[in-house]
Amino acid sequence: MESVLIKVIEQEAQAERQRILEASRKNAGEIIEQAKAQAAELEQKFRADSRSLERTEMAKADSAANLQAMAILLEVKSRIIDGIFQAAYQKIKTTPQERYQKALKNLLREAAEDLPGETVVLTSPGDLKMVQELVKAAKLKAEVKPDPQVQEGIIMSDKSGSHSVLNRFSDRMERARPSLVARISETLWG
């Protein structure tokens, strides 16, 4: 009887083991399916985030490239405009003598209108004699001095030096530059 009882207990234990094993397999299968679903969901989220990040990075790169292209374009335009001003200044420096003398006369007259009374006129050493003659002809009360810093045109100041009129061609071009740059830009690039 003992052996029958042992057999029955062993059979029941075997059946219990089978049930536990099947329940464990079923439970493991469910856990694996849940893990697969979570992995698929995470993979899908990762891909969506990657695409979003890629679009963001592409937009940043595109924006940076556009900014760099604009900076290069502005630099090129600036160099072109500087070249135009340099060419104009060189052309002024090669103005025929008669025309240059007339321009100096006008520069003196304009400066004298702004500085009445006794003045000092600085001019290039090469223009000294011509400017002295122009001052004398215009009957201005001015002392004319050579100044190697003045390459063309004149600088007129009152006797105390507290007020000056910069009437060199380079000064006049700089004062006119903002409006001329706008016109040149409109002409060249619309």
N, C-alpha and C. Protein backbone atom coordinates (compact mmCIF):
# COMPACT_ATOMS: atom_id res chain seq x y z
N MET A 1 0.79 -1.14 0.00
CA MET A 1 0.00 0.00 0.00
C MET A 1 0.87 1.25 0.00
N GLU A 2 1.91 1.08 0.67
CA GLU A 2 2.83 2.19 0.70
C GLU A 2 3.34 2.54 -0.68
N SER A 3 3.61 1.58 -1.43
CA SER A 3 4.15 1.84 -2.75
C SER A 3 3.10 2.45 -3.66
N VAL A 4 1.82 2.07 -3.46
CA VAL A 4 0.74 2.63 -4.26
C VAL A 4 0.59 4.10 -3.86
N LEU A 5 0.68 4.36 -2.58
CA LEU A 5 0.56 5.72 -2.10
C LEU A 5 1.71 6.57 -2.63
N ILE A 6 2.86 6.02 -2.63
CA ILE A 6 4.02 6.74 -3.14
C ILE A 6 3.83 6.99 -4.63
N LYS A 7 3.30 6.04 -5.33
CA LYS A 7 3.08 6.21 -6.77
C LYS A 7 2.05 7.30 -7.02
N VAL A 8 0.99 7.29 -6.24
CA VAL A 8 -0.07 8.28 -6.40
C VAL A 8 0.51 9.68 -6.11
N ILE A 9 1.29 9.75 -5.03
CA ILE A 9 1.89 11.04 -4.67
C ILE A 9 2.84 11.48 -5.78
N GLU A 10 3.61 10.55 -6.31
CA GLU A 10 4.54 10.88 -7.39
C GLU A 10 3.77 11.33 -8.63
N GLN A 11 2.66 10.66 -8.92
CA GLN A 11 1.86 11.04 -10.09
C GLN A 11 1.27 12.43 -9.90
N GLU A 12 0.77 12.67 -8.68
CA GLU A 12 0.20 13.99 -8.41
C GLU A 12 1.30 15.06 -8.46
N ALA A 13 2.46 14.70 -7.94
CA ALA A 13 3.59 15.65 -7.98
C ALA A 13 3.98 15.92 -9.43
N GLN A 14 3.99 14.85 -10.23
CA GLN A 14 4.33 14.99 -11.66
C GLN A 14 3.30 15.87 -12.34
N ALA A 15 2.01 15.66 -12.04
CA ALA A 15 0.94 16.45 -12.65
C ALA A 15 1.07 17.92 -12.20
N GLU A 16 1.38 18.09 -10.90
CA GLU A 16 1.56 19.46 -10.38
C GLU A 16 2.73 20.14 -11.06
N ARG A 17 3.82 19.39 -11.24
CA ARG A 17 5.00 19.95 -11.94
C ARG A 17 4.61 20.35 -13.35
N GLN A 18 3.85 19.54 -14.04
CA GLN A 18 3.42 19.83 -15.41
C GLN A 18 2.59 21.11 -15.44
N ARG A 19 1.63 21.20 -14.47
CA ARG A 19 0.79 22.39 -14.41
C ARG A 19 1.63 23.64 -14.15
N ILE A 20 2.55 23.54 -13.21
CA ILE A 20 3.42 24.67 -12.88
C ILE A 20 4.28 25.03 -14.07
N LEU A 21 4.80 24.00 -14.74
CA LEU A 21 5.66 24.23 -15.92
C LEU A 21 4.86 24.89 -17.03
N GLU A 22 3.64 24.42 -17.29
CA GLU A 22 2.80 25.01 -18.33
C GLU A 22 2.41 26.44 -17.97
N ALA A 23 2.07 26.65 -16.70
CA ALA A 23 1.72 28.02 -16.25
C ALA A 23 2.94 28.93 -16.39
N SER A 24 4.11 28.38 -16.06
CA SER A 24 5.34 29.19 -16.18
C SER A 24 5.62 29.50 -17.65
N ARG A 25 5.43 28.50 -18.52
CA ARG A 25 5.64 28.73 -19.96
C ARG A 25 4.66 29.79 -20.48
N LYS A 26 3.38 29.64 -20.05
CA LYS A 26 2.37 30.60 -20.49
C LYS A 26 2.73 32.00 -19.98
N ASN A 27 3.10 32.08 -18.70
CA ASN A 27 3.48 33.35 -18.09
C ASN A 27 4.73 33.92 -18.78
N ALA A 28 5.72 33.05 -19.08
CA ALA A 28 6.93 33.50 -19.77
C ALA A 28 6.59 34.00 -21.17
N GLY A 29 5.67 33.31 -21.85
CA GLY A 29 5.24 33.74 -23.19
C GLY A 29 4.60 35.12 -23.15
N GLU A 30 3.74 35.33 -22.13
CA GLU A 30 3.10 36.64 -21.98
C GLU A 30 4.14 37.73 -21.70
N ILE A 31 5.10 37.40 -20.84
CA ILE A 31 6.16 38.37 -20.52
C ILE A 31 6.96 38.69 -21.77
N ILE A 32 7.28 37.64 -22.55
CA ILE A 32 8.04 37.85 -23.80
C ILE A 32 7.23 38.71 -24.77
N GLU A 33 5.93 38.44 -24.91
CA GLU A 33 5.08 39.24 -25.81
C GLU A 33 5.02 40.70 -25.35
N GLN A 34 4.89 40.91 -24.04
CA GLN A 34 4.87 42.28 -23.51
C GLN A 34 6.21 42.97 -23.78
N ALA A 35 7.30 42.24 -23.59
CA ALA A 35 8.62 42.82 -23.83
C ALA A 35 8.79 43.16 -25.30
N LYS A 36 8.31 42.26 -26.19
CA LYS A 36 8.39 42.53 -27.63
C LYS A 36 7.57 43.77 -27.99
N ALA A 37 6.37 43.88 -27.41
CA ALA A 37 5.52 45.04 -27.68
C ALA A 37 6.18 46.32 -27.19
N GLN A 38 6.77 46.27 -25.99
CA GLN A 38 7.46 47.45 -25.46
C GLN A 38 8.67 47.80 -26.32
N ALA A 39 9.41 46.77 -26.76
CA ALA A 39 10.58 47.01 -27.61
C ALA A 39 10.15 47.64 -28.93
N ALA A 40 9.06 47.13 -29.52
CA ALA A 40 8.56 47.69 -30.78
C ALA A 40 8.12 49.14 -30.58
N GLU A 41 7.44 49.39 -29.46
CA GLU A 41 6.99 50.75 -29.16
C GLU A 41 8.19 51.68 -28.96
N LEU A 42 9.19 51.22 -28.23
CA LEU A 42 10.40 52.03 -28.02
C LEU A 42 11.14 52.26 -29.33
N GLU A 43 11.21 51.24 -30.16
CA GLU A 43 11.88 51.39 -31.47
C GLU A 43 11.14 52.41 -32.32
N GLN A 44 9.81 52.33 -32.33
CA GLN A 44 9.01 53.28 -33.11
C GLN A 44 9.22 54.71 -32.59
N LYS A 45 9.23 54.87 -31.26
CA LYS A 45 9.46 56.20 -30.66
C LYS A 45 10.86 56.69 -30.99
N PHE A 46 11.84 55.81 -30.91
CA PHE A 46 13.22 56.17 -31.24
C PHE A 46 13.33 56.64 -32.69
N ARG A 47 12.69 55.91 -33.60
CA ARG A 47 12.73 56.31 -35.02
C ARG A 47 12.05 57.65 -35.24
N ALA A 48 10.92 57.88 -34.59
CA ALA A 48 10.22 59.16 -34.72
C ALA A 48 11.08 60.29 -34.16
N ASP A 49 11.68 60.04 -32.98
CA ASP A 49 12.56 61.06 -32.39
C ASP A 49 13.77 61.31 -33.27
N SER A 50 14.31 60.26 -33.87
CA SER A 50 15.47 60.40 -34.75
C SER A 50 15.12 61.22 -35.99
N ARG A 51 13.95 60.96 -36.57
CA ARG A 51 13.51 61.73 -37.74
C ARG A 51 13.32 63.19 -37.37
N SER A 52 12.70 63.42 -36.20
CA SER A 52 12.49 64.80 -35.74
C SER A 52 13.82 65.50 -35.50
N LEU A 53 14.75 64.80 -34.85
CA LEU A 53 16.07 65.37 -34.59
C LEU A 53 16.81 65.63 -35.91
N GLU A 54 16.68 64.70 -36.84
CA GLU A 54 17.33 64.87 -38.14
C GLU A 54 16.77 66.10 -38.87
N ARG A 55 15.44 66.27 -38.84
CA ARG A 55 14.83 67.45 -39.47
C ARG A 55 15.31 68.73 -38.80
N THR A 56 15.39 68.71 -37.46
CA THR A 56 15.86 69.88 -36.72
C THR A 56 17.30 70.20 -37.08
N GLU A 57 18.14 69.19 -37.11
CA GLU A 57 19.55 69.40 -37.44
C GLU A 57 19.71 69.87 -38.88
N MET A 58 18.90 69.34 -39.78
CA MET A 58 18.95 69.78 -41.19
C MET A 58 18.52 71.24 -41.30
N ALA A 59 17.48 71.61 -40.54
CA ALA A 59 17.02 73.00 -40.57
C ALA A 59 18.10 73.92 -40.02
N LYS A 60 18.77 73.49 -38.94
CA LYS A 60 19.87 74.29 -38.38
C LYS A 60 21.00 74.42 -39.38
N ALA A 61 21.37 73.32 -40.01
CA ALA A 61 22.46 73.35 -40.99
C ALA A 61 22.09 74.23 -42.18
N ASP A 62 20.83 74.14 -42.62
CA ASP A 62 20.37 74.96 -43.74
C ASP A 62 20.41 76.44 -43.36
N SER A 63 19.96 76.75 -42.15
CA SER A 63 19.98 78.13 -41.67
C SER A 63 21.41 78.66 -41.57
N ALA A 64 22.30 77.84 -41.03
CA ALA A 64 23.71 78.25 -40.91
C ALA A 64 24.32 78.47 -42.29
N ALA A 65 24.00 77.59 -43.23
CA ALA A 65 24.53 77.74 -44.59
C ALA A 65 23.99 79.02 -45.23
N ASN A 66 22.70 79.31 -45.01
CA ASN A 66 22.13 80.54 -45.56
C ASN A 66 22.78 81.78 -44.95
N LEU A 67 23.02 81.75 -43.64
CA LEU A 67 23.68 82.89 -42.99
C LEU A 67 25.09 83.08 -43.53
N GLN A 68 25.80 81.97 -43.70
CA GLN A 68 27.16 82.05 -44.23
C GLN A 68 27.15 82.58 -45.66
N ALA A 69 26.20 82.12 -46.46
CA ALA A 69 26.10 82.60 -47.85
C ALA A 69 25.79 84.10 -47.88
N MET A 70 24.89 84.55 -46.99
CA MET A 70 24.56 85.97 -46.93
C MET A 70 25.77 86.79 -46.50
N ALA A 71 26.53 86.28 -45.54
CA ALA A 71 27.72 86.99 -45.07
C ALA A 71 28.74 87.11 -46.20
N ILE A 72 28.91 86.04 -46.95
CA ILE A 72 29.85 86.07 -48.08
C ILE A 72 29.36 87.05 -49.13
N LEU A 73 28.07 87.03 -49.42
CA LEU A 73 27.50 87.95 -50.41
C LEU A 73 27.67 89.40 -49.97
N LEU A 74 27.41 89.68 -48.70
CA LEU A 74 27.60 91.04 -48.19
C LEU A 74 29.05 91.47 -48.27
N GLU A 75 29.97 90.56 -47.96
CA GLU A 75 31.40 90.87 -48.03
C GLU A 75 31.80 91.19 -49.48
N VAL A 76 31.31 90.40 -50.42
CA VAL A 76 31.62 90.63 -51.83
C VAL A 76 31.05 91.98 -52.28
N LYS A 77 29.82 92.26 -51.90
CA LYS A 77 29.20 93.54 -52.27
C LYS A 77 29.98 94.70 -51.66
N SER A 78 30.39 94.55 -50.41
CA SER A 78 31.16 95.60 -49.75
C SER A 78 32.48 95.84 -50.47
N ARG A 79 33.14 94.77 -50.87
CA ARG A 79 34.40 94.92 -51.61
C ARG A 79 34.19 95.60 -52.96
N ILE A 80 33.09 95.26 -53.62
CA ILE A 80 32.80 95.90 -54.91
C ILE A 80 32.58 97.39 -54.70
N ILE A 81 31.80 97.75 -53.69
CA ILE A 81 31.53 99.17 -53.42
C ILE A 81 32.81 99.89 -53.03
N ASP A 82 33.64 99.26 -52.18
CA ASP A 82 34.93 99.86 -51.82
C ASP A 82 35.79 100.08 -53.07
N GLY A 83 35.77 99.12 -53.98
CA GLY A 83 36.53 99.23 -55.23
C GLY A 83 36.04 100.40 -56.07
N ILE A 84 34.73 100.60 -56.08
CA ILE A 84 34.16 101.73 -56.83
C ILE A 84 34.63 103.05 -56.22
N PHE A 85 34.61 103.15 -54.89
CA PHE A 85 35.06 104.38 -54.23
C PHE A 85 36.56 104.61 -54.47
N GLN A 86 37.34 103.56 -54.41
CA GLN A 86 38.78 103.70 -54.66
C GLN A 86 39.04 104.15 -56.09
N ALA A 87 38.30 103.58 -57.03
CA ALA A 87 38.46 103.98 -58.44
C ALA A 87 38.07 105.45 -58.62
N ALA A 88 36.98 105.87 -57.96
CA ALA A 88 36.55 107.27 -58.05
C ALA A 88 37.61 108.20 -57.46
N TYR A 89 38.17 107.81 -56.32
CA TYR A 89 39.20 108.63 -55.69
C TYR A 89 40.43 108.73 -56.58
N GLN A 90 40.83 107.63 -57.19
CA GLN A 90 41.98 107.65 -58.11
C GLN A 90 41.70 108.54 -59.31
N LYS A 91 40.46 108.53 -59.77
CA LYS A 91 40.09 109.38 -60.90
C LYS A 91 40.18 110.86 -60.50
N ILE A 92 39.77 111.16 -59.28
CA ILE A 92 39.86 112.54 -58.78
C ILE A 92 41.33 112.98 -58.75
N LYS A 93 42.20 112.07 -58.33
CA LYS A 93 43.63 112.41 -58.22
C LYS A 93 44.26 112.69 -59.59
N THR A 94 43.63 112.21 -60.64
CA THR A 94 44.18 112.44 -61.99
C THR A 94 43.38 113.49 -62.76
N THR A 95 42.64 114.32 -62.01
CA THR A 95 41.86 115.38 -62.64
C THR A 95 42.80 116.37 -63.33
N PRO A 96 42.45 116.82 -64.54
CA PRO A 96 43.29 117.82 -65.22
C PRO A 96 43.46 119.08 -64.35
N GLN A 97 44.60 119.73 -64.48
CA GLN A 97 45.00 120.87 -63.64
C GLN A 97 43.94 121.96 -63.60
N GLU A 98 43.41 122.35 -64.73
CA GLU A 98 42.44 123.44 -64.79
C GLU A 98 41.17 123.08 -64.00
N ARG A 99 40.72 121.88 -64.15
CA ARG A 99 39.53 121.42 -63.44
C ARG A 99 39.81 121.30 -61.94
N TYR A 100 41.00 120.82 -61.61
CA TYR A 100 41.40 120.68 -60.20
C TYR A 100 41.45 122.07 -59.54
N GLN A 101 41.99 123.05 -60.23
CA GLN A 101 42.09 124.41 -59.70
C GLN A 101 40.68 124.98 -59.45
N LYS A 102 39.77 124.72 -60.36
CA LYS A 102 38.39 125.19 -60.20
C LYS A 102 37.75 124.51 -58.98
N ALA A 103 38.01 123.23 -58.79
CA ALA A 103 37.47 122.50 -57.63
C ALA A 103 38.04 123.08 -56.34
N LEU A 104 39.36 123.37 -56.31
CA LEU A 104 39.97 123.97 -55.12
C LEU A 104 39.33 125.33 -54.81
N LYS A 105 39.07 126.10 -55.84
CA LYS A 105 38.44 127.41 -55.66
C LYS A 105 37.07 127.24 -54.98
N ASN A 106 36.29 126.26 -55.45
CA ASN A 106 34.97 126.00 -54.85
C ASN A 106 35.10 125.51 -53.41
N LEU A 107 36.09 124.66 -53.15
CA LEU A 107 36.30 124.16 -51.78
C LEU A 107 36.65 125.31 -50.84
N LEU A 108 37.50 126.22 -51.30
CA LEU A 108 37.87 127.39 -50.49
C LEU A 108 36.65 128.27 -50.23
N ARG A 109 35.87 128.53 -51.27
CA ARG A 109 34.68 129.39 -51.13
C ARG A 109 33.70 128.78 -50.11
N GLU A 110 33.43 127.48 -50.24
CA GLU A 110 32.50 126.82 -49.32
C GLU A 110 33.01 126.88 -47.87
N ALA A 111 34.28 126.61 -47.68
CA ALA A 111 34.85 126.63 -46.33
C ALA A 111 34.80 128.04 -45.76
N ALA A 112 35.09 129.05 -46.57
CA ALA A 112 35.09 130.45 -46.12
C ALA A 112 33.69 130.88 -45.70
N GLU A 113 32.66 130.33 -46.34
CA GLU A 113 31.28 130.66 -45.96
C GLU A 113 30.98 130.15 -44.55
N ASP A 114 31.57 129.01 -44.19
CA ASP A 114 31.33 128.44 -42.87
C ASP A 114 32.22 129.05 -41.79
N LEU A 115 33.36 129.64 -42.20
CA LEU A 115 34.30 130.21 -41.24
C LEU A 115 34.65 131.65 -41.63
N PRO A 116 33.79 132.60 -41.32
CA PRO A 116 34.11 133.99 -41.67
C PRO A 116 35.25 134.51 -40.77
N GLY A 117 35.95 135.49 -41.25
CA GLY A 117 37.04 136.08 -40.47
C GLY A 117 38.38 135.48 -40.86
N GLU A 118 39.37 135.71 -39.99
CA GLU A 118 40.72 135.21 -40.30
C GLU A 118 40.77 133.70 -40.12
N THR A 119 41.44 133.06 -41.08
CA THR A 119 41.50 131.59 -41.05
C THR A 119 42.91 131.11 -41.40
N VAL A 120 43.08 129.81 -41.21
CA VAL A 120 44.30 129.13 -41.61
C VAL A 120 43.86 128.04 -42.59
N VAL A 121 44.57 127.99 -43.72
CA VAL A 121 44.26 126.98 -44.75
C VAL A 121 45.44 126.03 -44.85
N LEU A 122 45.18 124.75 -44.66
CA LEU A 122 46.20 123.72 -44.84
C LEU A 122 45.96 123.06 -46.19
N THR A 123 47.05 122.85 -46.91
CA THR A 123 46.95 122.23 -48.23
C THR A 123 48.19 121.37 -48.46
N SER A 124 48.15 120.58 -49.49
CA SER A 124 49.32 119.74 -49.79
C SER A 124 50.47 120.63 -50.25
N PRO A 125 51.71 120.22 -49.96
CA PRO A 125 52.84 121.04 -50.41
C PRO A 125 52.83 121.28 -51.92
N GLY A 126 52.34 120.32 -52.67
CA GLY A 126 52.29 120.49 -54.13
C GLY A 126 51.26 121.51 -54.59
N ASP A 127 50.22 121.73 -53.78
CA ASP A 127 49.16 122.68 -54.14
C ASP A 127 49.35 124.05 -53.48
N LEU A 128 50.42 124.22 -52.70
CA LEU A 128 50.61 125.43 -51.91
C LEU A 128 50.51 126.69 -52.75
N LYS A 129 51.27 126.77 -53.81
CA LYS A 129 51.30 127.99 -54.63
C LYS A 129 49.92 128.28 -55.23
N MET A 130 49.28 127.23 -55.75
CA MET A 130 47.97 127.41 -56.38
C MET A 130 46.94 127.91 -55.35
N VAL A 131 46.95 127.33 -54.15
CA VAL A 131 46.00 127.71 -53.11
C VAL A 131 46.29 129.14 -52.64
N GLN A 132 47.57 129.51 -52.53
CA GLN A 132 47.90 130.89 -52.15
C GLN A 132 47.33 131.87 -53.17
N GLU A 133 47.45 131.56 -54.45
CA GLU A 133 46.91 132.43 -55.50
C GLU A 133 45.39 132.50 -55.43
N LEU A 134 44.75 131.36 -55.17
CA LEU A 134 43.28 131.33 -55.08
C LEU A 134 42.79 132.13 -53.87
N VAL A 135 43.50 132.03 -52.74
CA VAL A 135 43.13 132.79 -51.54
C VAL A 135 43.27 134.29 -51.82
N LYS A 136 44.35 134.66 -52.49
CA LYS A 136 44.59 136.07 -52.81
C LYS A 136 43.52 136.59 -53.77
N ALA A 137 43.19 135.80 -54.79
CA ALA A 137 42.18 136.21 -55.78
C ALA A 137 40.80 136.33 -55.13
N ALA A 138 40.51 135.49 -54.14
CA ALA A 138 39.22 135.53 -53.47
C ALA A 138 39.19 136.57 -52.35
N LYS A 139 40.33 137.20 -52.10
CA LYS A 139 40.46 138.23 -51.07
C LYS A 139 40.05 137.70 -49.69
N LEU A 140 40.53 136.50 -49.40
CA LEU A 140 40.26 135.90 -48.10
C LEU A 140 41.35 136.30 -47.12
N LYS A 141 40.98 136.45 -45.85
CA LYS A 141 41.96 136.72 -44.81
C LYS A 141 42.40 135.36 -44.27
N ALA A 142 43.37 134.78 -44.97
CA ALA A 142 43.78 133.42 -44.61
C ALA A 142 45.28 133.26 -44.75
N GLU A 143 45.84 132.53 -43.82
CA GLU A 143 47.24 132.15 -43.88
C GLU A 143 47.27 130.74 -44.48
N VAL A 144 47.99 130.55 -45.57
CA VAL A 144 48.06 129.25 -46.24
C VAL A 144 49.34 128.54 -45.82
N LYS A 145 49.18 127.29 -45.34
CA LYS A 145 50.34 126.52 -44.87
C LYS A 145 50.35 125.15 -45.55
N PRO A 146 51.55 124.67 -45.87
CA PRO A 146 51.62 123.32 -46.42
C PRO A 146 51.49 122.29 -45.29
N ASP A 147 50.83 121.18 -45.59
CA ASP A 147 50.70 120.09 -44.61
C ASP A 147 50.79 118.77 -45.37
N PRO A 148 51.82 117.98 -45.11
CA PRO A 148 51.98 116.71 -45.83
C PRO A 148 50.82 115.73 -45.58
N GLN A 149 50.05 115.94 -44.51
CA GLN A 149 48.90 115.08 -44.23
C GLN A 149 47.73 115.36 -45.19
N VAL A 150 47.74 116.54 -45.79
CA VAL A 150 46.69 116.91 -46.75
C VAL A 150 47.21 116.57 -48.14
N GLN A 151 46.60 115.59 -48.75
CA GLN A 151 47.10 115.17 -50.07
C GLN A 151 46.34 115.82 -51.21
N GLU A 152 45.11 116.23 -50.95
CA GLU A 152 44.31 116.93 -51.95
C GLU A 152 43.28 117.75 -51.23
N GLY A 153 42.81 118.79 -51.88
CA GLY A 153 41.82 119.65 -51.25
C GLY A 153 42.44 120.51 -50.16
N ILE A 154 41.59 120.94 -49.23
CA ILE A 154 42.06 121.84 -48.17
C ILE A 154 41.41 121.49 -46.83
N ILE A 155 42.04 121.99 -45.77
CA ILE A 155 41.43 122.02 -44.44
C ILE A 155 41.51 123.47 -44.00
N MET A 156 40.37 124.06 -43.68
CA MET A 156 40.34 125.45 -43.24
C MET A 156 39.88 125.48 -41.79
N SER A 157 40.58 126.27 -40.98
CA SER A 157 40.17 126.41 -39.58
C SER A 157 40.26 127.87 -39.17
N ASP A 158 39.54 128.19 -38.09
CA ASP A 158 39.68 129.56 -37.58
C ASP A 158 41.05 129.69 -36.93
N LYS A 159 41.45 130.88 -36.61
CA LYS A 159 42.80 131.14 -36.07
C LYS A 159 43.06 130.35 -34.79
N SER A 160 42.04 130.16 -33.97
CA SER A 160 42.24 129.44 -32.71
C SER A 160 42.31 127.93 -32.91
N GLY A 161 41.85 127.46 -34.06
CA GLY A 161 41.85 126.03 -34.35
C GLY A 161 40.68 125.28 -33.72
N SER A 162 39.73 126.03 -33.17
CA SER A 162 38.60 125.37 -32.50
C SER A 162 37.53 124.90 -33.49
N HIS A 163 37.48 125.49 -34.66
CA HIS A 163 36.52 125.09 -35.69
C HIS A 163 37.27 124.83 -36.99
N SER A 164 36.91 123.74 -37.62
CA SER A 164 37.57 123.40 -38.89
C SER A 164 36.54 122.93 -39.90
N VAL A 165 36.90 123.12 -41.16
CA VAL A 165 36.12 122.58 -42.27
C VAL A 165 37.06 121.66 -43.03
N LEU A 166 36.73 120.37 -43.03
CA LEU A 166 37.53 119.39 -43.76
C LEU A 166 36.99 119.33 -45.19
N ASN A 167 37.71 119.94 -46.09
CA ASN A 167 37.25 119.99 -47.47
C ASN A 167 38.26 119.33 -48.39
N ARG A 168 38.73 118.17 -47.97
CA ARG A 168 39.54 117.35 -48.86
C ARG A 168 38.57 116.48 -49.65
N PHE A 169 38.99 116.04 -50.82
CA PHE A 169 38.10 115.20 -51.63
C PHE A 169 37.76 113.91 -50.88
N SER A 170 38.73 113.36 -50.18
CA SER A 170 38.47 112.12 -49.42
C SER A 170 37.42 112.35 -48.33
N ASP A 171 37.47 113.53 -47.66
CA ASP A 171 36.48 113.85 -46.63
C ASP A 171 35.09 113.97 -47.24
N ARG A 172 35.02 114.62 -48.36
CA ARG A 172 33.73 114.83 -49.01
C ARG A 172 33.15 113.49 -49.49
N MET A 173 34.02 112.62 -49.97
CA MET A 173 33.54 111.31 -50.40
C MET A 173 33.01 110.52 -49.20
N GLU A 174 33.68 110.60 -48.06
CA GLU A 174 33.22 109.90 -46.86
C GLU A 174 31.87 110.44 -46.38
N ARG A 175 31.70 111.76 -46.45
CA ARG A 175 30.42 112.33 -46.04
C ARG A 175 29.30 111.92 -46.99
N ALA A 176 29.61 111.77 -48.25
CA ALA A 176 28.60 111.40 -49.24
C ALA A 176 28.41 109.88 -49.33
N ARG A 177 29.31 109.13 -48.74
CA ARG A 177 29.31 107.67 -48.89
C ARG A 177 27.97 107.00 -48.55
N PRO A 178 27.34 107.30 -47.41
CA PRO A 178 26.09 106.59 -47.11
C PRO A 178 25.03 106.70 -48.21
N SER A 179 24.81 107.90 -48.71
CA SER A 179 23.79 108.03 -49.76
C SER A 179 24.28 107.43 -51.08
N LEU A 180 25.59 107.54 -51.34
CA LEU A 180 26.12 106.96 -52.57
C LEU A 180 26.09 105.44 -52.54
N VAL A 181 26.35 104.85 -51.38
CA VAL A 181 26.30 103.39 -51.26
C VAL A 181 24.90 102.89 -51.60
N ALA A 182 23.89 103.58 -51.09
CA ALA A 182 22.51 103.19 -51.38
C ALA A 182 22.24 103.26 -52.89
N ARG A 183 22.68 104.32 -53.53
CA ARG A 183 22.46 104.46 -54.97
C ARG A 183 23.22 103.41 -55.76
N ILE A 184 24.48 103.19 -55.38
CA ILE A 184 25.30 102.18 -56.09
C ILE A 184 24.67 100.81 -55.93
N SER A 185 24.24 100.48 -54.73
CA SER A 185 23.61 99.18 -54.47
C SER A 185 22.35 99.02 -55.30
N GLU A 186 21.55 100.05 -55.35
CA GLU A 186 20.31 100.00 -56.15
C GLU A 186 20.63 99.81 -57.63
N THR A 187 21.65 100.51 -58.10
CA THR A 187 22.03 100.39 -59.52
C THR A 187 22.56 99.01 -59.83
N LEU A 188 23.43 98.49 -58.97
CA LEU A 188 24.06 97.21 -59.26
C LEU A 188 23.18 95.99 -58.98
N TRP A 189 22.43 96.02 -57.88
CA TRP A 189 21.71 94.84 -57.45
C TRP A 189 20.19 94.99 -57.36
N GLY A 190 19.73 96.17 -57.76
CA GLY A 190 18.29 96.37 -57.80
C GLY A 190 17.64 96.55 -56.53
